[in-house]
Amino acid sequence: MKYLIVGLGNPGSEYAETRHNIGFKVLEELAASKDTSFKTDTLGDVAVIKHRSRILHLLKPNTYMNLSGKAVRYWMTKHDIPAENMLVVLDDLNLPFGKIRMRASGSDGGHNGLKDIDRILGNNAYPRMRMGISDAFDKGRQVDYVLGKWDAEERKALPEFLKRGADACLSFSFIGIAQTMSMYNK
């Protein structure tokens, strides 16, 4: 079985360590755990890993967050991957740092990356995993916060958080969204 795991973020070194790029970071952790690396290809950086007879195509779109849908559709089509076998990994301000929330489908919740994927696919019926980055910013400072770097306390806890996110991606591919949700939405 084939899966597409999409990490949302923005390309470029200036965004690499920002909260908004946690989707990229989870996929980098996942690739590293399987001793593989990304290569630049059409509309993104891609890697392929195997997990328990599943083939997982990892995608970090290089289209910038707000235009992620084009890359998602391209790679879904290229590998003939149905929406239920795709998992989109993204940041979420409405969850405390360190919390994971997975859903089989749902609204974009104001996230511009999901908005574009919904628009391009014509629906929101695909699994997603929201990684909590908290909402510890002053009113009117949301953009600065999500595009800001991790603070010292977050950096210390980030490796374990990323590992849990990567493990949840593997679980999704092996036991499905429902059971994975019950394990990780705690």
C-alpha atoms as a PDB file:
ATOM      1  CA  MET A   1       0.000   0.000   0.000  1.00  0.00           C
ATOM      2  CA  LYS A   2       1.134   3.540  -0.783  1.00  0.00           C
ATOM      3  CA  TYR A   3       0.782   6.638   1.374  1.00  0.00           C
ATOM      4  CA  LEU A   4       1.574  10.317   0.982  1.00  0.00           C
ATOM      5  CA  ILE A   5       2.749  12.090   4.119  1.00  0.00           C
ATOM      6  CA  VAL A   6       2.831  15.863   3.583  1.00  0.00           C
ATOM      7  CA  GLY A   7       4.626  18.183   5.966  1.00  0.00           C
ATOM      8  CA  LEU A   8       3.588  21.812   5.648  1.00  0.00           C
ATOM      9  CA  GLY A   9       6.119  24.587   5.941  1.00  0.00           C
ATOM     10  CA  ASN A  10       7.983  27.235   3.999  1.00  0.00           C
ATOM     11  CA  PRO A  11      11.160  26.573   2.001  1.00  0.00           C
ATOM     12  CA  GLY A  12      14.352  28.466   2.720  1.00  0.00           C
ATOM     13  CA  SER A  13      16.870  28.627   5.536  1.00  0.00           C
ATOM     14  CA  GLU A  14      15.188  31.701   7.073  1.00  0.00           C
ATOM     15  CA  TYR A  15      12.129  29.537   7.901  1.00  0.00           C
ATOM     16  CA  ALA A  16      13.886  26.284   8.815  1.00  0.00           C
ATOM     17  CA  GLU A  17      13.653  26.597  12.598  1.00  0.00           C
ATOM     18  CA  THR A  18      10.340  28.425  12.849  1.00  0.00           C
ATOM     19  CA  ARG A  19       7.179  27.145  14.507  1.00  0.00           C
ATOM     20  CA  HIS A  20       5.310  27.277  11.178  1.00  0.00           C
ATOM     21  CA  ASN A  21       7.699  24.633   9.772  1.00  0.00           C
ATOM     22  CA  ILE A  22       6.947  21.886  12.268  1.00  0.00           C
ATOM     23  CA  GLY A  23       5.402  19.828   9.449  1.00  0.00           C
ATOM     24  CA  PHE A  24       8.765  19.836   7.658  1.00  0.00           C
ATOM     25  CA  LYS A  25      10.542  18.969  10.923  1.00  0.00           C
ATOM     26  CA  VAL A  26       8.302  15.934  11.567  1.00  0.00           C
ATOM     27  CA  LEU A  27       9.032  14.605   8.078  1.00  0.00           C
ATOM     28  CA  GLU A  28      12.761  15.202   8.524  1.00  0.00           C
ATOM     29  CA  GLU A  29      12.587  13.183  11.764  1.00  0.00           C
ATOM     30  CA  LEU A  30      10.661  10.441   9.966  1.00  0.00           C
ATOM     31  CA  ALA A  31      13.193  10.273   7.110  1.00  0.00           C
ATOM     32  CA  ALA A  32      16.123  10.243   9.543  1.00  0.00           C
ATOM     33  CA  SER A  33      14.531   7.407  11.549  1.00  0.00           C
ATOM     34  CA  LYS A  34      14.587   5.306   8.354  1.00  0.00           C
ATOM     35  CA  ASP A  35      18.093   6.490   7.399  1.00  0.00           C
ATOM     36  CA  THR A  36      17.030   8.293   4.238  1.00  0.00           C
ATOM     37  CA  SER A  37      17.157  11.872   3.033  1.00  0.00           C
ATOM     38  CA  PHE A  38      15.162  14.234   0.832  1.00  0.00           C
ATOM     39  CA  LYS A  39      15.864  15.170  -2.747  1.00  0.00           C
ATOM     40  CA  THR A  40      14.445  18.139  -4.614  1.00  0.00           C
ATOM     41  CA  ASP A  41      11.926  17.160  -7.266  1.00  0.00           C
ATOM     42  CA  THR A  42       8.823  18.661  -8.876  1.00  0.00           C
ATOM     43  CA  LEU A  43       7.118  21.128  -6.489  1.00  0.00           C
ATOM     44  CA  GLY A  44       8.913  19.878  -3.391  1.00  0.00           C
ATOM     45  CA  ASP A  45      11.504  17.888  -1.548  1.00  0.00           C
ATOM     46  CA  VAL A  46      10.648  14.196  -1.494  1.00  0.00           C
ATOM     47  CA  ALA A  47      11.794  10.981   0.139  1.00  0.00           C
ATOM     48  CA  VAL A  48      10.476   7.430   0.122  1.00  0.00           C
ATOM     49  CA  ILE A  49      10.525   5.108   3.121  1.00  0.00           C
ATOM     50  CA  LYS A  50       9.128   1.671   3.841  1.00  0.00           C
ATOM     51  CA  HIS A  51       7.340   0.670   7.007  1.00  0.00           C
ATOM     52  CA  ARG A  52       5.868  -2.803   7.526  1.00  0.00           C
ATOM     53  CA  SER A  53       5.302  -3.408   3.809  1.00  0.00           C
ATOM     54  CA  ARG A  54       3.861   0.096   3.346  1.00  0.00           C
ATOM     55  CA  ILE A  55       5.495   2.618   1.031  1.00  0.00           C
ATOM     56  CA  LEU A  56       5.405   6.164   2.358  1.00  0.00           C
ATOM     57  CA  HIS A  57       6.105   9.048  -0.001  1.00  0.00           C
ATOM     58  CA  LEU A  58       7.206  12.030   2.102  1.00  0.00           C
ATOM     59  CA  LEU A  59       6.608  15.495   0.669  1.00  0.00           C
ATOM     60  CA  LYS A  60       7.780  18.905   1.826  1.00  0.00           C
ATOM     61  CA  PRO A  61       6.190  21.279  -0.727  1.00  0.00           C
ATOM     62  CA  ASN A  62       8.491  24.064  -1.941  1.00  0.00           C
ATOM     63  CA  THR A  63       5.508  26.155  -3.031  1.00  0.00           C
ATOM     64  CA  TYR A  64       5.288  28.040   0.289  1.00  0.00           C
ATOM     65  CA  MET A  65       2.629  27.295   2.850  1.00  0.00           C
ATOM     66  CA  ASN A  66      -0.218  29.218   1.215  1.00  0.00           C
ATOM     67  CA  LEU A  67       0.165  27.354  -2.106  1.00  0.00           C
ATOM     68  CA  SER A  68       0.639  23.793  -0.838  1.00  0.00           C
ATOM     69  CA  GLY A  69      -2.343  22.362  -2.731  1.00  0.00           C
ATOM     70  CA  LYS A  70      -0.623  22.296  -6.123  1.00  0.00           C
ATOM     71  CA  ALA A  71       2.230  20.117  -4.826  1.00  0.00           C
ATOM     72  CA  VAL A  72      -0.164  17.849  -2.919  1.00  0.00           C
ATOM     73  CA  ARG A  73      -2.339  17.235  -5.966  1.00  0.00           C
ATOM     74  CA  TYR A  74       0.692  16.620  -8.195  1.00  0.00           C
ATOM     75  CA  TRP A  75       2.164  13.931  -5.914  1.00  0.00           C
ATOM     76  CA  MET A  76      -1.205  12.314  -5.154  1.00  0.00           C
ATOM     77  CA  THR A  77      -1.802  11.996  -8.892  1.00  0.00           C
ATOM     78  CA  LYS A  78       1.742  10.904  -9.743  1.00  0.00           C
ATOM     79  CA  HIS A  79       1.618   8.005  -7.266  1.00  0.00           C
ATOM     80  CA  ASP A  80      -2.144   7.345  -7.541  1.00  0.00           C
ATOM     81  CA  ILE A  81      -2.662   7.843  -3.813  1.00  0.00           C
ATOM     82  CA  PRO A  82      -6.263   8.241  -2.606  1.00  0.00           C
ATOM     83  CA  ALA A  83      -7.088  11.039  -0.158  1.00  0.00           C
ATOM     84  CA  GLU A  84      -7.680   8.589   2.714  1.00  0.00           C
ATOM     85  CA  ASN A  85      -4.034   7.451   2.342  1.00  0.00           C
ATOM     86  CA  MET A  86      -2.686  10.985   2.666  1.00  0.00           C
ATOM     87  CA  LEU A  87      -1.758  12.607   5.966  1.00  0.00           C
ATOM     88  CA  VAL A  88      -1.038  16.345   6.180  1.00  0.00           C
ATOM     89  CA  VAL A  89       1.162  17.427   9.110  1.00  0.00           C
ATOM     90  CA  LEU A  90       0.874  21.067  10.191  1.00  0.00           C
ATOM     91  CA  ASP A  91       1.257  23.561  13.020  1.00  0.00           C
ATOM     92  CA  ASP A  92      -1.700  24.590  15.189  1.00  0.00           C
ATOM     93  CA  LEU A  93      -1.850  27.690  17.373  1.00  0.00           C
ATOM     94  CA  ASN A  94      -4.964  26.451  19.149  1.00  0.00           C
ATOM     95  CA  LEU A  95      -3.221  23.479  20.740  1.00  0.00           C
ATOM     96  CA  PRO A  96      -0.725  23.667  23.583  1.00  0.00           C
ATOM     97  CA  PHE A  97       2.880  23.045  22.622  1.00  0.00           C
ATOM     98  CA  GLY A  98       3.505  19.299  22.517  1.00  0.00           C
ATOM     99  CA  LYS A  99      -0.087  18.217  21.889  1.00  0.00           C
ATOM    100  CA  ILE A 100      -1.029  16.226  18.782  1.00  0.00           C
ATOM    101  CA  ARG A 101      -4.535  16.158  17.330  1.00  0.00           C
ATOM    102  CA  MET A 102      -5.365  13.929  14.377  1.00  0.00           C
ATOM    103  CA  ARG A 103      -8.596  13.937  12.381  1.00  0.00           C
ATOM    104  CA  ALA A 104      -9.848  11.927   9.398  1.00  0.00           C
ATOM    105  CA  SER A 105     -11.169  15.144   7.811  1.00  0.00           C
ATOM    106  CA  GLY A 106     -12.307  18.596   8.869  1.00  0.00           C
ATOM    107  CA  SER A 107     -12.137  22.316   8.463  1.00  0.00           C
ATOM    108  CA  ASP A 108      -9.010  24.285   7.716  1.00  0.00           C
ATOM    109  CA  GLY A 109      -9.306  26.015  11.106  1.00  0.00           C
ATOM    110  CA  GLY A 110      -7.919  29.197   9.553  1.00  0.00           C
ATOM    111  CA  HIS A 111      -4.690  27.492   8.430  1.00  0.00           C
ATOM    112  CA  ASN A 112      -3.719  28.831   5.013  1.00  0.00           C
ATOM    113  CA  GLY A 113      -1.909  25.655   3.973  1.00  0.00           C
ATOM    114  CA  LEU A 114      -5.038  23.564   4.563  1.00  0.00           C
ATOM    115  CA  LYS A 115      -7.197  26.220   2.874  1.00  0.00           C
ATOM    116  CA  ASP A 116      -5.184  25.873  -0.309  1.00  0.00           C
ATOM    117  CA  ILE A 117      -5.204  22.061  -0.220  1.00  0.00           C
ATOM    118  CA  ASP A 118      -8.985  22.110   0.315  1.00  0.00           C
ATOM    119  CA  ARG A 119      -9.389  24.523  -2.603  1.00  0.00           C
ATOM    120  CA  ILE A 120      -7.222  22.500  -4.998  1.00  0.00           C
ATOM    121  CA  LEU A 121      -8.677  19.100  -4.020  1.00  0.00           C
ATOM    122  CA  GLY A 122     -12.216  20.471  -3.876  1.00  0.00           C
ATOM    123  CA  ASN A 123     -12.875  19.044  -0.421  1.00  0.00           C
ATOM    124  CA  ASN A 124     -11.456  18.595   3.068  1.00  0.00           C
ATOM    125  CA  ALA A 125     -11.938  14.823   3.268  1.00  0.00           C
ATOM    126  CA  TYR A 126      -8.360  13.801   4.009  1.00  0.00           C
ATOM    127  CA  PRO A 127      -6.537  13.019   7.272  1.00  0.00           C
ATOM    128  CA  ARG A 128      -4.502  15.677   9.015  1.00  0.00           C
ATOM    129  CA  MET A 129      -2.274  15.829  12.076  1.00  0.00           C
ATOM    130  CA  ARG A 130      -2.087  19.124  13.916  1.00  0.00           C
ATOM    131  CA  MET A 131       1.024  19.721  16.003  1.00  0.00           C
ATOM    132  CA  GLY A 132       0.450  22.154  18.859  1.00  0.00           C
ATOM    133  CA  ILE A 133       2.692  25.209  18.911  1.00  0.00           C
ATOM    134  CA  SER A 134       0.557  27.118  21.485  1.00  0.00           C
ATOM    135  CA  ASP A 135      -0.771  30.635  21.297  1.00  0.00           C
ATOM    136  CA  ALA A 136       1.750  32.368  23.541  1.00  0.00           C
ATOM    137  CA  PHE A 137       1.819  35.624  21.586  1.00  0.00           C
ATOM    138  CA  ASP A 138       0.543  39.127  22.183  1.00  0.00           C
ATOM    139  CA  LYS A 139      -2.556  40.309  20.335  1.00  0.00           C
ATOM    140  CA  GLY A 140      -1.716  41.209  16.750  1.00  0.00           C
ATOM    141  CA  ARG A 141       1.591  39.324  16.837  1.00  0.00           C
ATOM    142  CA  GLN A 142       0.423  35.984  15.390  1.00  0.00           C
ATOM    143  CA  VAL A 143       2.520  36.182  12.213  1.00  0.00           C
ATOM    144  CA  ASP A 144       5.661  37.080  14.170  1.00  0.00           C
ATOM    145  CA  TYR A 145       4.979  34.168  16.524  1.00  0.00           C
ATOM    146  CA  VAL A 146       4.427  31.434  13.932  1.00  0.00           C
ATOM    147  CA  LEU A 147       7.351  32.656  11.848  1.00  0.00           C
ATOM    148  CA  GLY A 148       9.458  33.031  14.994  1.00  0.00           C
ATOM    149  CA  LYS A 149      12.070  30.610  16.257  1.00  0.00           C
ATOM    150  CA  TRP A 150      11.482  28.150  19.078  1.00  0.00           C
ATOM    151  CA  ASP A 151      12.265  29.452  22.558  1.00  0.00           C
ATOM    152  CA  ALA A 152      14.796  27.640  24.773  1.00  0.00           C
ATOM    153  CA  GLU A 153      12.190  25.552  26.609  1.00  0.00           C
ATOM    154  CA  GLU A 154      10.511  24.501  23.350  1.00  0.00           C
ATOM    155  CA  ARG A 155      13.869  23.609  21.755  1.00  0.00           C
ATOM    156  CA  LYS A 156      14.600  21.315  24.683  1.00  0.00           C
ATOM    157  CA  ALA A 157      11.261  19.460  24.313  1.00  0.00           C
ATOM    158  CA  LEU A 158      11.143  19.558  20.500  1.00  0.00           C
ATOM    159  CA  PRO A 159      13.080  16.315  19.737  1.00  0.00           C
ATOM    160  CA  GLU A 160      10.605  14.168  21.687  1.00  0.00           C
ATOM    161  CA  PHE A 161       7.630  16.022  20.189  1.00  0.00           C
ATOM    162  CA  LEU A 162       8.969  15.471  16.663  1.00  0.00           C
ATOM    163  CA  LYS A 163       9.595  11.783  17.401  1.00  0.00           C
ATOM    164  CA  ARG A 164       5.993  11.347  18.586  1.00  0.00           C
ATOM    165  CA  GLY A 165       4.802  13.060  15.412  1.00  0.00           C
ATOM    166  CA  ALA A 166       6.943  10.776  13.237  1.00  0.00           C
ATOM    167  CA  ASP A 167       5.724   7.706  15.158  1.00  0.00           C
ATOM    168  CA  ALA A 168       2.124   8.834  14.625  1.00  0.00           C
ATOM    169  CA  CYS A 169       2.756   9.033  10.855  1.00  0.00           C
ATOM    170  CA  LEU A 170       4.040   5.447  10.857  1.00  0.00           C
ATOM    171  CA  SER A 171       1.081   4.331  12.952  1.00  0.00           C
ATOM    172  CA  PHE A 172      -1.329   5.997  10.510  1.00  0.00           C
ATOM    173  CA  SER A 173       0.165   4.029   7.633  1.00  0.00           C
ATOM    174  CA  PHE A 174      -0.028   0.718   9.463  1.00  0.00           C
ATOM    175  CA  ILE A 175      -3.183   0.728  11.613  1.00  0.00           C
ATOM    176  CA  GLY A 176      -5.163   3.606  10.071  1.00  0.00           C
ATOM    177  CA  ILE A 177      -6.458   6.947  11.225  1.00  0.00           C
ATOM    178  CA  ALA A 178      -9.082   5.775  13.756  1.00  0.00           C
ATOM    179  CA  GLN A 179      -6.754   3.674  15.893  1.00  0.00           C
ATOM    180  CA  THR A 180      -3.911   6.164  15.549  1.00  0.00           C
ATOM    181  CA  MET A 181      -6.210   8.963  16.732  1.00  0.00           C
ATOM    182  CA  SER A 182      -7.086   6.972  19.855  1.00  0.00           C
ATOM    183  CA  MET A 183      -3.379   6.487  20.595  1.00  0.00           C
ATOM    184  CA  TYR A 184      -2.097  10.020  19.917  1.00  0.00           C
ATOM    185  CA  ASN A 185      -5.018  12.419  20.598  1.00  0.00           C
ATOM    186  CA  LYS A 186      -4.376  12.430  24.331  1.00  0.00           C
END
